[in-house]
Amino acid sequence: MLHDFQDRLPDGVHIVPSSGGVFEISLGDEVVFSKKKAGRFPENSEIDEALEQRLDAA
């Protein structure tokens, strides 16, 4: 994922540890995917597609 988006994410990617099974992907202040909200892990391309949509809209 980092390789695919490195040119479009000048601030890089940050991994923030958490607990309780929380798994969230955010772009800026927007949560792109939340395991807690969805009740599951993301599908293989789900995160890439969500990031692509938001980056294209920016």
PDB file of N, CA and C in Angstrom:
ATOM      1  N   MET A   1       0.832  -1.173   0.000  1.00  0.00           N
ATOM      2  CA  MET A   1       0.000   0.000   0.000  1.00  0.00           C
ATOM      3  C   MET A   1       0.888   1.252   0.000  1.00  0.00           C
ATOM      4  N   LEU A   2       1.904   1.263   0.843  1.00  0.00           N
ATOM      5  CA  LEU A   2       2.790   2.423   0.890  1.00  0.00           C
ATOM      6  C   LEU A   2       3.417   2.667  -0.474  1.00  0.00           C
ATOM      7  N   HIS A   3       3.861   1.623  -1.132  1.00  0.00           N
ATOM      8  CA  HIS A   3       4.467   1.760  -2.457  1.00  0.00           C
ATOM      9  C   HIS A   3       3.476   2.353  -3.448  1.00  0.00           C
ATOM     10  N   ASP A   4       2.236   1.911  -3.406  1.00  0.00           N
ATOM     11  CA  ASP A   4       1.215   2.378  -4.344  1.00  0.00           C
ATOM     12  C   ASP A   4       0.875   3.851  -4.160  1.00  0.00           C
ATOM     13  N   PHE A   5       0.953   4.351  -2.945  1.00  0.00           N
ATOM     14  CA  PHE A   5       0.496   5.705  -2.656  1.00  0.00           C
ATOM     15  C   PHE A   5       1.602   6.659  -2.201  1.00  0.00           C
ATOM     16  N   GLN A   6       2.860   6.235  -2.232  1.00  0.00           N
ATOM     17  CA  GLN A   6       3.930   7.053  -1.673  1.00  0.00           C
ATOM     18  C   GLN A   6       4.051   8.425  -2.325  1.00  0.00           C
ATOM     19  N   ASP A   7       3.799   8.545  -3.621  1.00  0.00           N
ATOM     20  CA  ASP A   7       3.892   9.838  -4.296  1.00  0.00           C
ATOM     21  C   ASP A   7       2.725  10.752  -3.949  1.00  0.00           C
ATOM     22  N   ARG A   8       1.635  10.174  -3.488  1.00  0.00           N
ATOM     23  CA  ARG A   8       0.432  10.958  -3.201  1.00  0.00           C
ATOM     24  C   ARG A   8       0.239  11.214  -1.709  1.00  0.00           C
ATOM     25  N   LEU A   9       1.108  10.653  -0.892  1.00  0.00           N
ATOM     26  CA  LEU A   9       1.041  10.845   0.560  1.00  0.00           C
ATOM     27  C   LEU A   9       2.380  11.408   1.043  1.00  0.00           C
ATOM     28  N   PRO A  10       2.599  12.712   0.838  1.00  0.00           N
ATOM     29  CA  PRO A  10       3.903  13.296   1.167  1.00  0.00           C
ATOM     30  C   PRO A  10       4.281  13.201   2.643  1.00  0.00           C
ATOM     31  N   ASP A  11       3.305  13.073   3.527  1.00  0.00           N
ATOM     32  CA  ASP A  11       3.603  12.940   4.954  1.00  0.00           C
ATOM     33  C   ASP A  11       3.845  11.497   5.358  1.00  0.00           C
ATOM     34  N   GLY A  12       3.761  10.581   4.407  1.00  0.00           N
ATOM     35  CA  GLY A  12       4.002   9.176   4.680  1.00  0.00           C
ATOM     36  C   GLY A  12       2.836   8.490   5.356  1.00  0.00           C
ATOM     37  N   VAL A  13       3.117   7.326   5.878  1.00  0.00           N
ATOM     38  CA  VAL A  13       2.127   6.500   6.556  1.00  0.00           C
ATOM     39  C   VAL A  13       2.579   6.329   7.999  1.00  0.00           C
ATOM     40  N   HIS A  14       1.636   6.441   8.920  1.00  0.00           N
ATOM     41  CA  HIS A  14       1.948   6.304  10.338  1.00  0.00           C
ATOM     42  C   HIS A  14       1.112   5.175  10.920  1.00  0.00           C
ATOM     43  N   ILE A  15       1.762   4.290  11.649  1.00  0.00           N
ATOM     44  CA  ILE A  15       1.065   3.206  12.335  1.00  0.00           C
ATOM     45  C   ILE A  15       0.911   3.627  13.791  1.00  0.00           C
ATOM     46  N   VAL A  16      -0.325   3.628  14.250  1.00  0.00           N
ATOM     47  CA  VAL A  16      -0.624   4.038  15.621  1.00  0.00           C
ATOM     48  C   VAL A  16      -1.120   2.813  16.378  1.00  0.00           C
ATOM     49  N   PRO A  17      -0.347   2.342  17.350  1.00  0.00           N
ATOM     50  CA  PRO A  17      -0.768   1.168  18.111  1.00  0.00           C
ATOM     51  C   PRO A  17      -2.054   1.443  18.898  1.00  0.00           C
ATOM     52  N   SER A  18      -2.843   0.410  19.057  1.00  0.00           N
ATOM     53  CA  SER A  18      -4.066   0.520  19.854  1.00  0.00           C
ATOM     54  C   SER A  18      -4.311  -0.818  20.535  1.00  0.00           C
ATOM     55  N   SER A  19      -5.413  -0.907  21.227  1.00  0.00           N
ATOM     56  CA  SER A  19      -5.727  -2.157  21.915  1.00  0.00           C
ATOM     57  C   SER A  19      -7.193  -2.499  21.709  1.00  0.00           C
ATOM     58  N   GLY A  20      -7.584  -3.655  22.175  1.00  0.00           N
ATOM     59  CA  GLY A  20      -8.987  -4.045  22.110  1.00  0.00           C
ATOM     60  C   GLY A  20      -9.461  -4.460  20.736  1.00  0.00           C
ATOM     61  N   GLY A  21      -8.547  -4.837  19.842  1.00  0.00           N
ATOM     62  CA  GLY A  21      -8.950  -5.296  18.520  1.00  0.00           C
ATOM     63  C   GLY A  21      -9.320  -4.181  17.559  1.00  0.00           C
ATOM     64  N   VAL A  22      -8.953  -2.942  17.897  1.00  0.00           N
ATOM     65  CA  VAL A  22      -9.263  -1.808  17.029  1.00  0.00           C
ATOM     66  C   VAL A  22      -8.340  -1.843  15.819  1.00  0.00           C
ATOM     67  N   PHE A  23      -8.905  -1.659  14.643  1.00  0.00           N
ATOM     68  CA  PHE A  23      -8.150  -1.592  13.395  1.00  0.00           C
ATOM     69  C   PHE A  23      -8.821  -0.532  12.552  1.00  0.00           C
ATOM     70  N   GLU A  24      -8.176   0.630  12.433  1.00  0.00           N
ATOM     71  CA  GLU A  24      -8.744   1.725  11.658  1.00  0.00           C
ATOM     72  C   GLU A  24      -7.714   2.269  10.686  1.00  0.00           C
ATOM     73  N   ILE A  25      -8.188   2.662   9.524  1.00  0.00           N
ATOM     74  CA  ILE A  25      -7.371   3.320   8.518  1.00  0.00           C
ATOM     75  C   ILE A  25      -7.950   4.717   8.351  1.00  0.00           C
ATOM     76  N   SER A  26      -7.089   5.729   8.492  1.00  0.00           N
ATOM     77  CA  SER A  26      -7.538   7.115   8.348  1.00  0.00           C
ATOM     78  C   SER A  26      -6.694   7.823   7.305  1.00  0.00           C
ATOM     79  N   LEU A  27      -7.289   8.796   6.659  1.00  0.00           N
ATOM     80  CA  LEU A  27      -6.592   9.688   5.739  1.00  0.00           C
ATOM     81  C   LEU A  27      -6.879  11.085   6.257  1.00  0.00           C
ATOM     82  N   GLY A  28      -5.861  11.705   6.842  1.00  0.00           N
ATOM     83  CA  GLY A  28      -6.098  12.973   7.532  1.00  0.00           C
ATOM     84  C   GLY A  28      -6.977  12.705   8.741  1.00  0.00           C
ATOM     85  N   ASP A  29      -8.049  13.453   8.856  1.00  0.00           N
ATOM     86  CA  ASP A  29      -8.972  13.285   9.978  1.00  0.00           C
ATOM     87  C   ASP A  29     -10.131  12.351   9.659  1.00  0.00           C
ATOM     88  N   GLU A  30     -10.186  11.839   8.433  1.00  0.00           N
ATOM     89  CA  GLU A  30     -11.308  10.992   8.005  1.00  0.00           C
ATOM     90  C   GLU A  30     -10.980   9.510   8.172  1.00  0.00           C
ATOM     91  N   VAL A  31     -11.845   8.789   8.853  1.00  0.00           N
ATOM     92  CA  VAL A  31     -11.683   7.342   8.986  1.00  0.00           C
ATOM     93  C   VAL A  31     -12.154   6.698   7.687  1.00  0.00           C
ATOM     94  N   VAL A  32     -11.248   5.995   7.026  1.00  0.00           N
ATOM     95  CA  VAL A  32     -11.537   5.343   5.754  1.00  0.00           C
ATOM     96  C   VAL A  32     -12.128   3.955   5.983  1.00  0.00           C
ATOM     97  N   PHE A  33     -11.643   3.271   7.015  1.00  0.00           N
ATOM     98  CA  PHE A  33     -12.168   1.950   7.361  1.00  0.00           C
ATOM     99  C   PHE A  33     -12.041   1.741   8.857  1.00  0.00           C
ATOM    100  N   SER A  34     -13.078   1.185   9.453  1.00  0.00           N
ATOM    101  CA  SER A  34     -13.069   0.847  10.876  1.00  0.00           C
ATOM    102  C   SER A  34     -13.541  -0.589  11.045  1.00  0.00           C
ATOM    103  N   LYS A  35     -12.663  -1.440  11.565  1.00  0.00           N
ATOM    104  CA  LYS A  35     -13.046  -2.829  11.837  1.00  0.00           C
ATOM    105  C   LYS A  35     -14.171  -2.876  12.858  1.00  0.00           C
ATOM    106  N   LYS A  36     -14.117  -1.989  13.844  1.00  0.00           N
ATOM    107  CA  LYS A  36     -15.158  -1.965  14.873  1.00  0.00           C
ATOM    108  C   LYS A  36     -16.521  -1.637  14.261  1.00  0.00           C
ATOM    109  N   LYS A  37     -16.563  -0.654  13.393  1.00  0.00           N
ATOM    110  CA  LYS A  37     -17.823  -0.251  12.767  1.00  0.00           C
ATOM    111  C   LYS A  37     -18.319  -1.304  11.770  1.00  0.00           C
ATOM    112  N   ALA A  38     -17.390  -1.856  10.969  1.00  0.00           N
ATOM    113  CA  ALA A  38     -17.767  -2.838   9.946  1.00  0.00           C
ATOM    114  C   ALA A  38     -17.990  -4.229  10.534  1.00  0.00           C
ATOM    115  N   GLY A  39     -17.365  -4.511  11.684  1.00  0.00           N
ATOM    116  CA  GLY A  39     -17.483  -5.826  12.293  1.00  0.00           C
ATOM    117  C   GLY A  39     -16.648  -6.887  11.603  1.00  0.00           C
ATOM    118  N   ARG A  40     -15.643  -6.450  10.846  1.00  0.00           N
ATOM    119  CA  ARG A  40     -14.796  -7.381  10.084  1.00  0.00           C
ATOM    120  C   ARG A  40     -13.523  -6.663   9.648  1.00  0.00           C
ATOM    121  N   PHE A  41     -12.539  -7.438   9.202  1.00  0.00           N
ATOM    122  CA  PHE A  41     -11.363  -6.856   8.573  1.00  0.00           C
ATOM    123  C   PHE A  41     -11.721  -6.484   7.139  1.00  0.00           C
ATOM    124  N   PRO A  42     -10.983  -5.560   6.532  1.00  0.00           N
ATOM    125  CA  PRO A  42     -11.289  -5.166   5.154  1.00  0.00           C
ATOM    126  C   PRO A  42     -10.962  -6.272   4.159  1.00  0.00           C
ATOM    127  N   GLU A  43     -11.660  -6.258   3.043  1.00  0.00           N
ATOM    128  CA  GLU A  43     -11.341  -7.155   1.929  1.00  0.00           C
ATOM    129  C   GLU A  43      -9.999  -6.719   1.334  1.00  0.00           C
ATOM    130  N   ASN A  44      -9.394  -7.564   0.499  1.00  0.00           N
ATOM    131  CA  ASN A  44      -8.049  -7.323  -0.030  1.00  0.00           C
ATOM    132  C   ASN A  44      -7.853  -5.939  -0.641  1.00  0.00           C
ATOM    133  N   SER A  45      -8.728  -5.510  -1.522  1.00  0.00           N
ATOM    134  CA  SER A  45      -8.518  -4.234  -2.211  1.00  0.00           C
ATOM    135  C   SER A  45      -9.360  -3.098  -1.638  1.00  0.00           C
ATOM    136  N   GLU A  46     -10.110  -3.358  -0.604  1.00  0.00           N
ATOM    137  CA  GLU A  46     -11.046  -2.370  -0.060  1.00  0.00           C
ATOM    138  C   GLU A  46     -10.350  -1.086   0.409  1.00  0.00           C
ATOM    139  N   ILE A  47      -9.244  -1.197   1.086  1.00  0.00           N
ATOM    140  CA  ILE A  47      -8.535  -0.018   1.578  1.00  0.00           C
ATOM    141  C   ILE A  47      -7.938   0.761   0.416  1.00  0.00           C
ATOM    142  N   ASP A  48      -7.295   0.064  -0.518  1.00  0.00           N
ATOM    143  CA  ASP A  48      -6.723   0.738  -1.690  1.00  0.00           C
ATOM    144  C   ASP A  48      -7.786   1.520  -2.445  1.00  0.00           C
ATOM    145  N   GLU A  49      -8.935   0.911  -2.669  1.00  0.00           N
ATOM    146  CA  GLU A  49     -10.011   1.579  -3.405  1.00  0.00           C
ATOM    147  C   GLU A  49     -10.534   2.793  -2.648  1.00  0.00           C
ATOM    148  N   ALA A  50     -10.694   2.676  -1.344  1.00  0.00           N
ATOM    149  CA  ALA A  50     -11.187   3.793  -0.537  1.00  0.00           C
ATOM    150  C   ALA A  50     -10.184   4.949  -0.537  1.00  0.00           C
ATOM    151  N   LEU A  51      -8.896   4.637  -0.404  1.00  0.00           N
ATOM    152  CA  LEU A  51      -7.879   5.683  -0.444  1.00  0.00           C
ATOM    153  C   LEU A  51      -7.832   6.343  -1.812  1.00  0.00           C
ATOM    154  N   GLU A  52      -7.890   5.543  -2.856  1.00  0.00           N
ATOM    155  CA  GLU A  52      -7.866   6.063  -4.230  1.00  0.00           C
ATOM    156  C   GLU A  52      -9.010   7.048  -4.456  1.00  0.00           C
ATOM    157  N   GLN A  53     -10.211   6.696  -4.034  1.00  0.00           N
ATOM    158  CA  GLN A  53     -11.373   7.581  -4.191  1.00  0.00           C
ATOM    159  C   GLN A  53     -11.149   8.909  -3.487  1.00  0.00           C
ATOM    160  N   ARG A  54     -10.665   8.861  -2.270  1.00  0.00           N
ATOM    161  CA  ARG A  54     -10.489  10.091  -1.500  1.00  0.00           C
ATOM    162  C   ARG A  54      -9.346  10.944  -2.034  1.00  0.00           C
ATOM    163  N   LEU A  55      -8.275  10.316  -2.484  1.00  0.00           N
ATOM    164  CA  LEU A  55      -7.159  11.071  -3.051  1.00  0.00           C
ATOM    165  C   LEU A  55      -7.539  11.695  -4.388  1.00  0.00           C
ATOM    166  N   ASP A  56      -8.330  10.990  -5.190  1.00  0.00           N
ATOM    167  CA  ASP A  56      -8.782  11.540  -6.471  1.00  0.00           C
ATOM    168  C   ASP A  56      -9.710  12.731  -6.270  1.00  0.00           C
ATOM    169  N   ALA A  57     -10.490  12.703  -5.194  1.00  0.00           N
ATOM    170  CA  ALA A  57     -11.441  13.784  -4.916  1.00  0.00           C
ATOM    171  C   ALA A  57     -10.736  15.037  -4.384  1.00  0.00           C
ATOM    172  N   ALA A  58      -9.530  14.860  -3.869  1.00  0.00           N
ATOM    173  CA  ALA A  58      -8.803  16.002  -3.268  1.00  0.00           C
ATOM    174  C   ALA A  58      -8.204  16.916  -4.315  1.00  0.00           C
TER     175      ALA A  58
END
